[in-house]
Amino acid sequence: GKDSRSNQLIVALGNNERLGGGSPWEVPWGEVVGEESFRTLDGIYTGYGDNGPGQGRLRNEGSSEGVARDFPKLDYILGCDVIDSR
């Protein structure tokens, strides 16, 4: 419906056709390269596993105080740089 789209960032560390561009709306747009990038990924907290905040809650609340209280180790992307590799 109207205004119902949201975004998800998926980092695939291996071949993952189910979540890696297998549908027309899933568009790969970047690549993790270099040791520094992999160190950054290693620093992302994954301890919540499937028990992290649900997509609906994040869509409705965003980075609310309630989400921060219930999931204090949740990581956030605060910025992104586009690098022209041509």
PDB file of N, CA and C in Angstrom:
ATOM      1  N   GLY A   1       0.802  -1.181   0.000  1.00  0.00           N
ATOM      2  CA  GLY A   1       0.000   0.000   0.000  1.00  0.00           C
ATOM      3  C   GLY A   1       0.849   1.249   0.000  1.00  0.00           C
ATOM      4  N   LYS A   2       0.195   2.379  -0.019  1.00  0.00           N
ATOM      5  CA  LYS A   2       0.877   3.668  -0.042  1.00  0.00           C
ATOM      6  C   LYS A   2       1.750   3.849   1.197  1.00  0.00           C
ATOM      7  N   ASP A   3       2.978   4.323   0.993  1.00  0.00           N
ATOM      8  CA  ASP A   3       3.941   4.606   2.065  1.00  0.00           C
ATOM      9  C   ASP A   3       4.222   3.379   2.924  1.00  0.00           C
ATOM     10  N   SER A   4       4.195   2.197   2.329  1.00  0.00           N
ATOM     11  CA  SER A   4       4.395   0.985   3.125  1.00  0.00           C
ATOM     12  C   SER A   4       5.780   0.372   2.936  1.00  0.00           C
ATOM     13  N   ARG A   5       6.615   0.964   2.132  1.00  0.00           N
ATOM     14  CA  ARG A   5       7.947   0.411   1.889  1.00  0.00           C
ATOM     15  C   ARG A   5       8.878   0.747   3.041  1.00  0.00           C
ATOM     16  N   SER A   6       9.801  -0.165   3.284  1.00  0.00           N
ATOM     17  CA  SER A   6      10.846   0.082   4.266  1.00  0.00           C
ATOM     18  C   SER A   6      12.157  -0.422   3.680  1.00  0.00           C
ATOM     19  N   ASN A   7      13.221  -0.321   4.425  1.00  0.00           N
ATOM     20  CA  ASN A   7      14.537  -0.728   3.945  1.00  0.00           C
ATOM     21  C   ASN A   7      15.135  -1.758   4.878  1.00  0.00           C
ATOM     22  N   GLN A   8      15.893  -2.650   4.324  1.00  0.00           N
ATOM     23  CA  GLN A   8      16.675  -3.599   5.101  1.00  0.00           C
ATOM     24  C   GLN A   8      18.053  -3.654   4.493  1.00  0.00           C
ATOM     25  N   LEU A   9      19.049  -3.747   5.326  1.00  0.00           N
ATOM     26  CA  LEU A   9      20.421  -3.923   4.883  1.00  0.00           C
ATOM     27  C   LEU A   9      20.824  -5.340   5.249  1.00  0.00           C
ATOM     28  N   ILE A  10      21.180  -6.117   4.262  1.00  0.00           N
ATOM     29  CA  ILE A  10      21.590  -7.495   4.488  1.00  0.00           C
ATOM     30  C   ILE A  10      23.039  -7.627   4.059  1.00  0.00           C
ATOM     31  N   VAL A  11      23.867  -8.118   4.947  1.00  0.00           N
ATOM     32  CA  VAL A  11      25.258  -8.378   4.622  1.00  0.00           C
ATOM     33  C   VAL A  11      25.402  -9.887   4.508  1.00  0.00           C
ATOM     34  N   ALA A  12      25.654 -10.351   3.312  1.00  0.00           N
ATOM     35  CA  ALA A  12      25.825 -11.787   3.072  1.00  0.00           C
ATOM     36  C   ALA A  12      27.309 -12.104   3.098  1.00  0.00           C
ATOM     37  N   LEU A  13      27.703 -12.982   3.984  1.00  0.00           N
ATOM     38  CA  LEU A  13      29.111 -13.364   4.084  1.00  0.00           C
ATOM     39  C   LEU A  13      29.425 -14.575   3.213  1.00  0.00           C
ATOM     40  N   GLY A  14      28.447 -15.030   2.490  1.00  0.00           N
ATOM     41  CA  GLY A  14      28.611 -16.140   1.556  1.00  0.00           C
ATOM     42  C   GLY A  14      27.500 -16.075   0.540  1.00  0.00           C
ATOM     43  N   ASN A  15      27.464 -17.033  -0.360  1.00  0.00           N
ATOM     44  CA  ASN A  15      26.419 -17.075  -1.371  1.00  0.00           C
ATOM     45  C   ASN A  15      25.068 -17.257  -0.683  1.00  0.00           C
ATOM     46  N   ASN A  16      24.143 -16.356  -0.921  1.00  0.00           N
ATOM     47  CA  ASN A  16      22.833 -16.413  -0.281  1.00  0.00           C
ATOM     48  C   ASN A  16      21.791 -15.952  -1.285  1.00  0.00           C
ATOM     49  N   GLU A  17      21.393 -16.836  -2.180  1.00  0.00           N
ATOM     50  CA  GLU A  17      20.441 -16.453  -3.224  1.00  0.00           C
ATOM     51  C   GLU A  17      19.089 -16.046  -2.657  1.00  0.00           C
ATOM     52  N   ARG A  18      18.693 -16.643  -1.526  1.00  0.00           N
ATOM     53  CA  ARG A  18      17.381 -16.332  -0.968  1.00  0.00           C
ATOM     54  C   ARG A  18      17.291 -14.876  -0.505  1.00  0.00           C
ATOM     55  N   LEU A  19      18.375 -14.326   0.027  1.00  0.00           N
ATOM     56  CA  LEU A  19      18.345 -12.949   0.530  1.00  0.00           C
ATOM     57  C   LEU A  19      19.325 -12.035  -0.199  1.00  0.00           C
ATOM     58  N   GLY A  20      19.848 -12.486  -1.297  1.00  0.00           N
ATOM     59  CA  GLY A  20      20.873 -11.698  -1.964  1.00  0.00           C
ATOM     60  C   GLY A  20      20.547 -11.322  -3.380  1.00  0.00           C
ATOM     61  N   GLY A  21      19.406 -10.751  -3.611  1.00  0.00           N
ATOM     62  CA  GLY A  21      19.042 -10.322  -4.946  1.00  0.00           C
ATOM     63  C   GLY A  21      18.222 -11.337  -5.704  1.00  0.00           C
ATOM     64  N   GLY A  22      17.659 -12.300  -5.006  1.00  0.00           N
ATOM     65  CA  GLY A  22      16.856 -13.320  -5.659  1.00  0.00           C
ATOM     66  C   GLY A  22      15.506 -12.822  -6.121  1.00  0.00           C
ATOM     67  N   SER A  23      15.062 -11.687  -5.609  1.00  0.00           N
ATOM     68  CA  SER A  23      13.787 -11.093  -6.003  1.00  0.00           C
ATOM     69  C   SER A  23      14.050  -9.750  -6.669  1.00  0.00           C
ATOM     70  N   PRO A  24      13.142  -9.303  -7.544  1.00  0.00           N
ATOM     71  CA  PRO A  24      13.377  -8.042  -8.270  1.00  0.00           C
ATOM     72  C   PRO A  24      13.557  -6.830  -7.361  1.00  0.00           C
ATOM     73  N   TRP A  25      13.000  -6.851  -6.178  1.00  0.00           N
ATOM     74  CA  TRP A  25      13.103  -5.696  -5.279  1.00  0.00           C
ATOM     75  C   TRP A  25      14.346  -5.764  -4.387  1.00  0.00           C
ATOM     76  N   GLU A  26      15.108  -6.842  -4.465  1.00  0.00           N
ATOM     77  CA  GLU A  26      16.347  -6.968  -3.701  1.00  0.00           C
ATOM     78  C   GLU A  26      17.503  -6.659  -4.644  1.00  0.00           C
ATOM     79  N   VAL A  27      18.093  -5.504  -4.469  1.00  0.00           N
ATOM     80  CA  VAL A  27      19.119  -5.051  -5.393  1.00  0.00           C
ATOM     81  C   VAL A  27      20.449  -4.931  -4.665  1.00  0.00           C
ATOM     82  N   PRO A  28      21.420  -5.768  -5.018  1.00  0.00           N
ATOM     83  CA  PRO A  28      22.751  -5.593  -4.421  1.00  0.00           C
ATOM     84  C   PRO A  28      23.296  -4.224  -4.813  1.00  0.00           C
ATOM     85  N   TRP A  29      23.812  -3.480  -3.844  1.00  0.00           N
ATOM     86  CA  TRP A  29      24.273  -2.132  -4.141  1.00  0.00           C
ATOM     87  C   TRP A  29      25.675  -1.849  -3.608  1.00  0.00           C
ATOM     88  N   GLY A  30      26.293  -2.837  -3.005  1.00  0.00           N
ATOM     89  CA  GLY A  30      27.628  -2.599  -2.473  1.00  0.00           C
ATOM     90  C   GLY A  30      28.383  -3.888  -2.292  1.00  0.00           C
ATOM     91  N   GLU A  31      29.638  -3.732  -1.931  1.00  0.00           N
ATOM     92  CA  GLU A  31      30.505  -4.871  -1.702  1.00  0.00           C
ATOM     93  C   GLU A  31      31.425  -4.534  -0.537  1.00  0.00           C
ATOM     94  N   VAL A  32      31.599  -5.480   0.344  1.00  0.00           N
ATOM     95  CA  VAL A  32      32.518  -5.311   1.467  1.00  0.00           C
ATOM     96  C   VAL A  32      33.890  -5.768   0.993  1.00  0.00           C
ATOM     97  N   VAL A  33      34.847  -4.861   1.048  1.00  0.00           N
ATOM     98  CA  VAL A  33      36.203  -5.195   0.599  1.00  0.00           C
ATOM     99  C   VAL A  33      37.218  -4.689   1.614  1.00  0.00           C
ATOM    100  N   GLY A  34      38.318  -5.373   1.691  1.00  0.00           N
ATOM    101  CA  GLY A  34      39.417  -4.924   2.536  1.00  0.00           C
ATOM    102  C   GLY A  34      39.284  -5.363   3.981  1.00  0.00           C
ATOM    103  N   GLU A  35      40.414  -5.511   4.612  1.00  0.00           N
ATOM    104  CA  GLU A  35      40.465  -5.987   5.996  1.00  0.00           C
ATOM    105  C   GLU A  35      39.734  -5.059   6.959  1.00  0.00           C
ATOM    106  N   GLU A  36      39.806  -3.755   6.747  1.00  0.00           N
ATOM    107  CA  GLU A  36      39.126  -2.807   7.640  1.00  0.00           C
ATOM    108  C   GLU A  36      37.616  -3.014   7.612  1.00  0.00           C
ATOM    109  N   SER A  37      37.068  -3.284   6.440  1.00  0.00           N
ATOM    110  CA  SER A  37      35.627  -3.527   6.320  1.00  0.00           C
ATOM    111  C   SER A  37      35.217  -4.768   7.097  1.00  0.00           C
ATOM    112  N   PHE A  38      36.024  -5.817   7.008  1.00  0.00           N
ATOM    113  CA  PHE A  38      35.685  -7.038   7.721  1.00  0.00           C
ATOM    114  C   PHE A  38      35.847  -6.860   9.230  1.00  0.00           C
ATOM    115  N   ARG A  39      36.794  -6.043   9.662  1.00  0.00           N
ATOM    116  CA  ARG A  39      36.911  -5.738  11.102  1.00  0.00           C
ATOM    117  C   ARG A  39      35.669  -4.990  11.582  1.00  0.00           C
ATOM    118  N   THR A  40      35.158  -4.094  10.744  1.00  0.00           N
ATOM    119  CA  THR A  40      33.928  -3.384  11.085  1.00  0.00           C
ATOM    120  C   THR A  40      32.777  -4.363  11.250  1.00  0.00           C
ATOM    121  N   LEU A  41      32.620  -5.293  10.324  1.00  0.00           N
ATOM    122  CA  LEU A  41      31.554  -6.297  10.425  1.00  0.00           C
ATOM    123  C   LEU A  41      31.715  -7.147  11.680  1.00  0.00           C
ATOM    124  N   ASP A  42      32.951  -7.493  12.024  1.00  0.00           N
ATOM    125  CA  ASP A  42      33.189  -8.292  13.231  1.00  0.00           C
ATOM    126  C   ASP A  42      32.747  -7.566  14.494  1.00  0.00           C
ATOM    127  N   GLY A  43      32.698  -6.234  14.453  1.00  0.00           N
ATOM    128  CA  GLY A  43      32.307  -5.455  15.618  1.00  0.00           C
ATOM    129  C   GLY A  43      30.803  -5.302  15.797  1.00  0.00           C
ATOM    130  N   ILE A  44      30.005  -5.756  14.838  1.00  0.00           N
ATOM    131  CA  ILE A  44      28.551  -5.640  14.943  1.00  0.00           C
ATOM    132  C   ILE A  44      28.033  -6.719  15.881  1.00  0.00           C
ATOM    133  N   TYR A  45      27.258  -6.317  16.850  1.00  0.00           N
ATOM    134  CA  TYR A  45      26.715  -7.257  17.831  1.00  0.00           C
ATOM    135  C   TYR A  45      25.652  -8.142  17.183  1.00  0.00           C
ATOM    136  N   THR A  46      25.820  -9.447  17.303  1.00  0.00           N
ATOM    137  CA  THR A  46      24.875 -10.409  16.717  1.00  0.00           C
ATOM    138  C   THR A  46      24.227 -11.293  17.770  1.00  0.00           C
ATOM    139  N   GLY A  47      24.416 -10.963  19.033  1.00  0.00           N
ATOM    140  CA  GLY A  47      23.941 -11.814  20.120  1.00  0.00           C
ATOM    141  C   GLY A  47      22.433 -11.933  20.244  1.00  0.00           C
ATOM    142  N   TYR A  48      21.683 -11.000  19.685  1.00  0.00           N
ATOM    143  CA  TYR A  48      20.230 -11.111  19.769  1.00  0.00           C
ATOM    144  C   TYR A  48      19.686 -12.190  18.835  1.00  0.00           C
ATOM    145  N   GLY A  49      20.429 -12.485  17.767  1.00  0.00           N
ATOM    146  CA  GLY A  49      19.973 -13.501  16.825  1.00  0.00           C
ATOM    147  C   GLY A  49      18.563 -13.218  16.350  1.00  0.00           C
ATOM    148  N   ASP A  50      17.714 -14.232  16.374  1.00  0.00           N
ATOM    149  CA  ASP A  50      16.314 -14.063  15.953  1.00  0.00           C
ATOM    150  C   ASP A  50      15.450 -13.426  17.035  1.00  0.00           C
ATOM    151  N   ASN A  51      16.037 -13.070  18.168  1.00  0.00           N
ATOM    152  CA  ASN A  51      15.276 -12.479  19.270  1.00  0.00           C
ATOM    153  C   ASN A  51      15.459 -10.970  19.367  1.00  0.00           C
ATOM    154  N   GLY A  52      15.974 -10.371  18.325  1.00  0.00           N
ATOM    155  CA  GLY A  52      16.116  -8.920  18.290  1.00  0.00           C
ATOM    156  C   GLY A  52      14.778  -8.259  18.029  1.00  0.00           C
ATOM    157  N   PRO A  53      14.774  -6.943  17.913  1.00  0.00           N
ATOM    158  CA  PRO A  53      13.507  -6.247  17.661  1.00  0.00           C
ATOM    159  C   PRO A  53      12.932  -6.650  16.306  1.00  0.00           C
ATOM    160  N   GLY A  54      11.630  -6.842  16.257  1.00  0.00           N
ATOM    161  CA  GLY A  54      10.968  -7.230  15.019  1.00  0.00           C
ATOM    162  C   GLY A  54      10.931  -6.106  14.011  1.00  0.00           C
ATOM    163  N   GLN A  55      10.787  -6.473  12.747  1.00  0.00           N
ATOM    164  CA  GLN A  55      10.739  -5.473  11.685  1.00  0.00           C
ATOM    165  C   GLN A  55       9.601  -4.477  11.891  1.00  0.00           C
ATOM    166  N   GLY A  56       8.444  -4.966  12.334  1.00  0.00           N
ATOM    167  CA  GLY A  56       7.309  -4.074  12.551  1.00  0.00           C
ATOM    168  C   GLY A  56       7.602  -3.039  13.623  1.00  0.00           C
ATOM    169  N   ARG A  57       8.230  -3.487  14.693  1.00  0.00           N
ATOM    170  CA  ARG A  57       8.557  -2.544  15.770  1.00  0.00           C
ATOM    171  C   ARG A  57       9.551  -1.494  15.285  1.00  0.00           C
ATOM    172  N   LEU A  58      10.574  -1.932  14.576  1.00  0.00           N
ATOM    173  CA  LEU A  58      11.550  -0.973  14.066  1.00  0.00           C
ATOM    174  C   LEU A  58      10.932  -0.012  13.070  1.00  0.00           C
ATOM    175  N   ARG A  59      10.030  -0.512  12.244  1.00  0.00           N
ATOM    176  CA  ARG A  59       9.346   0.361  11.274  1.00  0.00           C
ATOM    177  C   ARG A  59       8.486   1.393  12.005  1.00  0.00           C
ATOM    178  N   ASN A  60       7.809   0.964  13.072  1.00  0.00           N
ATOM    179  CA  ASN A  60       6.911   1.860  13.802  1.00  0.00           C
ATOM    180  C   ASN A  60       7.642   2.812  14.732  1.00  0.00           C
ATOM    181  N   GLU A  61       8.698   2.318  15.387  1.00  0.00           N
ATOM    182  CA  GLU A  61       9.371   3.120  16.414  1.00  0.00           C
ATOM    183  C   GLU A  61      10.702   3.709  15.982  1.00  0.00           C
ATOM    184  N   GLY A  62      11.337   3.104  14.981  1.00  0.00           N
ATOM    185  CA  GLY A  62      12.681   3.546  14.610  1.00  0.00           C
ATOM    186  C   GLY A  62      13.639   3.312  15.760  1.00  0.00           C
ATOM    187  N   SER A  63      14.519   4.237  15.982  1.00  0.00           N
ATOM    188  CA  SER A  63      15.485   4.108  17.081  1.00  0.00           C
ATOM    189  C   SER A  63      14.943   4.803  18.329  1.00  0.00           C
ATOM    190  N   SER A  64      13.810   4.328  18.792  1.00  0.00           N
ATOM    191  CA  SER A  64      13.137   4.931  19.943  1.00  0.00           C
ATOM    192  C   SER A  64      13.854   4.615  21.251  1.00  0.00           C
ATOM    193  N   GLU A  65      13.487   5.323  22.289  1.00  0.00           N
ATOM    194  CA  GLU A  65      14.031   5.047  23.623  1.00  0.00           C
ATOM    195  C   GLU A  65      13.666   3.638  24.067  1.00  0.00           C
ATOM    196  N   GLY A  66      12.471   3.165  23.706  1.00  0.00           N
ATOM    197  CA  GLY A  66      12.043   1.823  24.073  1.00  0.00           C
ATOM    198  C   GLY A  66      12.887   0.748  23.410  1.00  0.00           C
ATOM    199  N   VAL A  67      13.186   0.927  22.142  1.00  0.00           N
ATOM    200  CA  VAL A  67      14.053  -0.032  21.445  1.00  0.00           C
ATOM    201  C   VAL A  67      15.437  -0.016  22.074  1.00  0.00           C
ATOM    202  N   ALA A  68      15.977   1.163  22.335  1.00  0.00           N
ATOM    203  CA  ALA A  68      17.301   1.271  22.954  1.00  0.00           C
ATOM    204  C   ALA A  68      17.317   0.643  24.344  1.00  0.00           C
ATOM    205  N   ARG A  69      16.240   0.792  25.092  1.00  0.00           N
ATOM    206  CA  ARG A  69      16.162   0.204  26.431  1.00  0.00           C
ATOM    207  C   ARG A  69      16.096  -1.319  26.362  1.00  0.00           C
ATOM    208  N   ASP A  70      15.273  -1.832  25.451  1.00  0.00           N
ATOM    209  CA  ASP A  70      15.072  -3.276  25.354  1.00  0.00           C
ATOM    210  C   ASP A  70      16.215  -3.992  24.642  1.00  0.00           C
ATOM    211  N   PHE A  71      16.953  -3.267  23.807  1.00  0.00           N
ATOM    212  CA  PHE A  71      18.050  -3.859  23.037  1.00  0.00           C
ATOM    213  C   PHE A  71      19.268  -2.944  23.112  1.00  0.00           C
ATOM    214  N   PRO A  72      19.886  -2.853  24.294  1.00  0.00           N
ATOM    215  CA  PRO A  72      20.959  -1.878  24.501  1.00  0.00           C
ATOM    216  C   PRO A  72      22.211  -2.136  23.664  1.00  0.00           C
ATOM    217  N   LYS A  73      22.390  -3.334  23.145  1.00  0.00           N
ATOM    218  CA  LYS A  73      23.582  -3.624  22.349  1.00  0.00           C
ATOM    219  C   LYS A  73      23.328  -3.520  20.847  1.00  0.00           C
ATOM    220  N   LEU A  74      22.143  -3.069  20.463  1.00  0.00           N
ATOM    221  CA  LEU A  74      21.801  -2.918  19.054  1.00  0.00           C
ATOM    222  C   LEU A  74      22.725  -1.887  18.414  1.00  0.00           C
ATOM    223  N   ASP A  75      23.252  -2.207  17.246  1.00  0.00           N
ATOM    224  CA  ASP A  75      24.115  -1.289  16.516  1.00  0.00           C
ATOM    225  C   ASP A  75      23.294  -0.451  15.543  1.00  0.00           C
ATOM    226  N   TYR A  76      23.816   0.717  15.200  1.00  0.00           N
ATOM    227  CA  TYR A  76      23.144   1.635  14.294  1.00  0.00           C
ATOM    228  C   TYR A  76      24.117   2.092  13.220  1.00  0.00           C
ATOM    229  N   ILE A  77      23.623   2.282  12.021  1.00  0.00           N
ATOM    230  CA  ILE A  77      24.426   2.899  10.964  1.00  0.00           C
ATOM    231  C   ILE A  77      24.132   4.389  11.008  1.00  0.00           C
ATOM    232  N   LEU A  78      25.154   5.161  11.238  1.00  0.00           N
ATOM    233  CA  LEU A  78      24.987   6.606  11.379  1.00  0.00           C
ATOM    234  C   LEU A  78      25.359   7.368  10.116  1.00  0.00           C
ATOM    235  N   GLY A  79      26.001   6.691   9.187  1.00  0.00           N
ATOM    236  CA  GLY A  79      26.374   7.372   7.956  1.00  0.00           C
ATOM    237  C   GLY A  79      26.887   6.375   6.933  1.00  0.00           C
ATOM    238  N   CYS A  80      27.053   6.857   5.736  1.00  0.00           N
ATOM    239  CA  CYS A  80      27.521   6.015   4.648  1.00  0.00           C
ATOM    240  C   CYS A  80      28.213   6.913   3.631  1.00  0.00           C
ATOM    241  N   ASP A  81      29.360   6.487   3.144  1.00  0.00           N
ATOM    242  CA  ASP A  81      30.061   7.233   2.119  1.00  0.00           C
ATOM    243  C   ASP A  81      30.003   6.478   0.810  1.00  0.00           C
ATOM    244  N   VAL A  82      29.709   7.179  -0.262  1.00  0.00           N
ATOM    245  CA  VAL A  82      29.716   6.593  -1.590  1.00  0.00           C
ATOM    246  C   VAL A  82      31.080   6.876  -2.188  1.00  0.00           C
ATOM    247  N   ILE A  83      31.745   5.814  -2.616  1.00  0.00           N
ATOM    248  CA  ILE A  83      33.091   5.949  -3.172  1.00  0.00           C
ATOM    249  C   ILE A  83      33.046   5.536  -4.633  1.00  0.00           C
ATOM    250  N   ASP A  84      33.469   6.417  -5.497  1.00  0.00           N
ATOM    251  CA  ASP A  84      33.505   6.122  -6.918  1.00  0.00           C
ATOM    252  C   ASP A  84      34.755   5.301  -7.194  1.00  0.00           C
ATOM    253  N   SER A  85      34.559   4.066  -7.619  1.00  0.00           N
ATOM    254  CA  SER A  85      35.704   3.180  -7.847  1.00  0.00           C
ATOM    255  C   SER A  85      36.161   3.169  -9.306  1.00  0.00           C
ATOM    256  N   ARG A  86      35.613   4.027 -10.109  1.00  0.00           N
ATOM    257  CA  ARG A  86      36.013   4.050 -11.536  1.00  0.00           C
ATOM    258  C   ARG A  86      37.366   4.618 -11.723  1.00  0.00           C
TER     259      ARG A  86
END
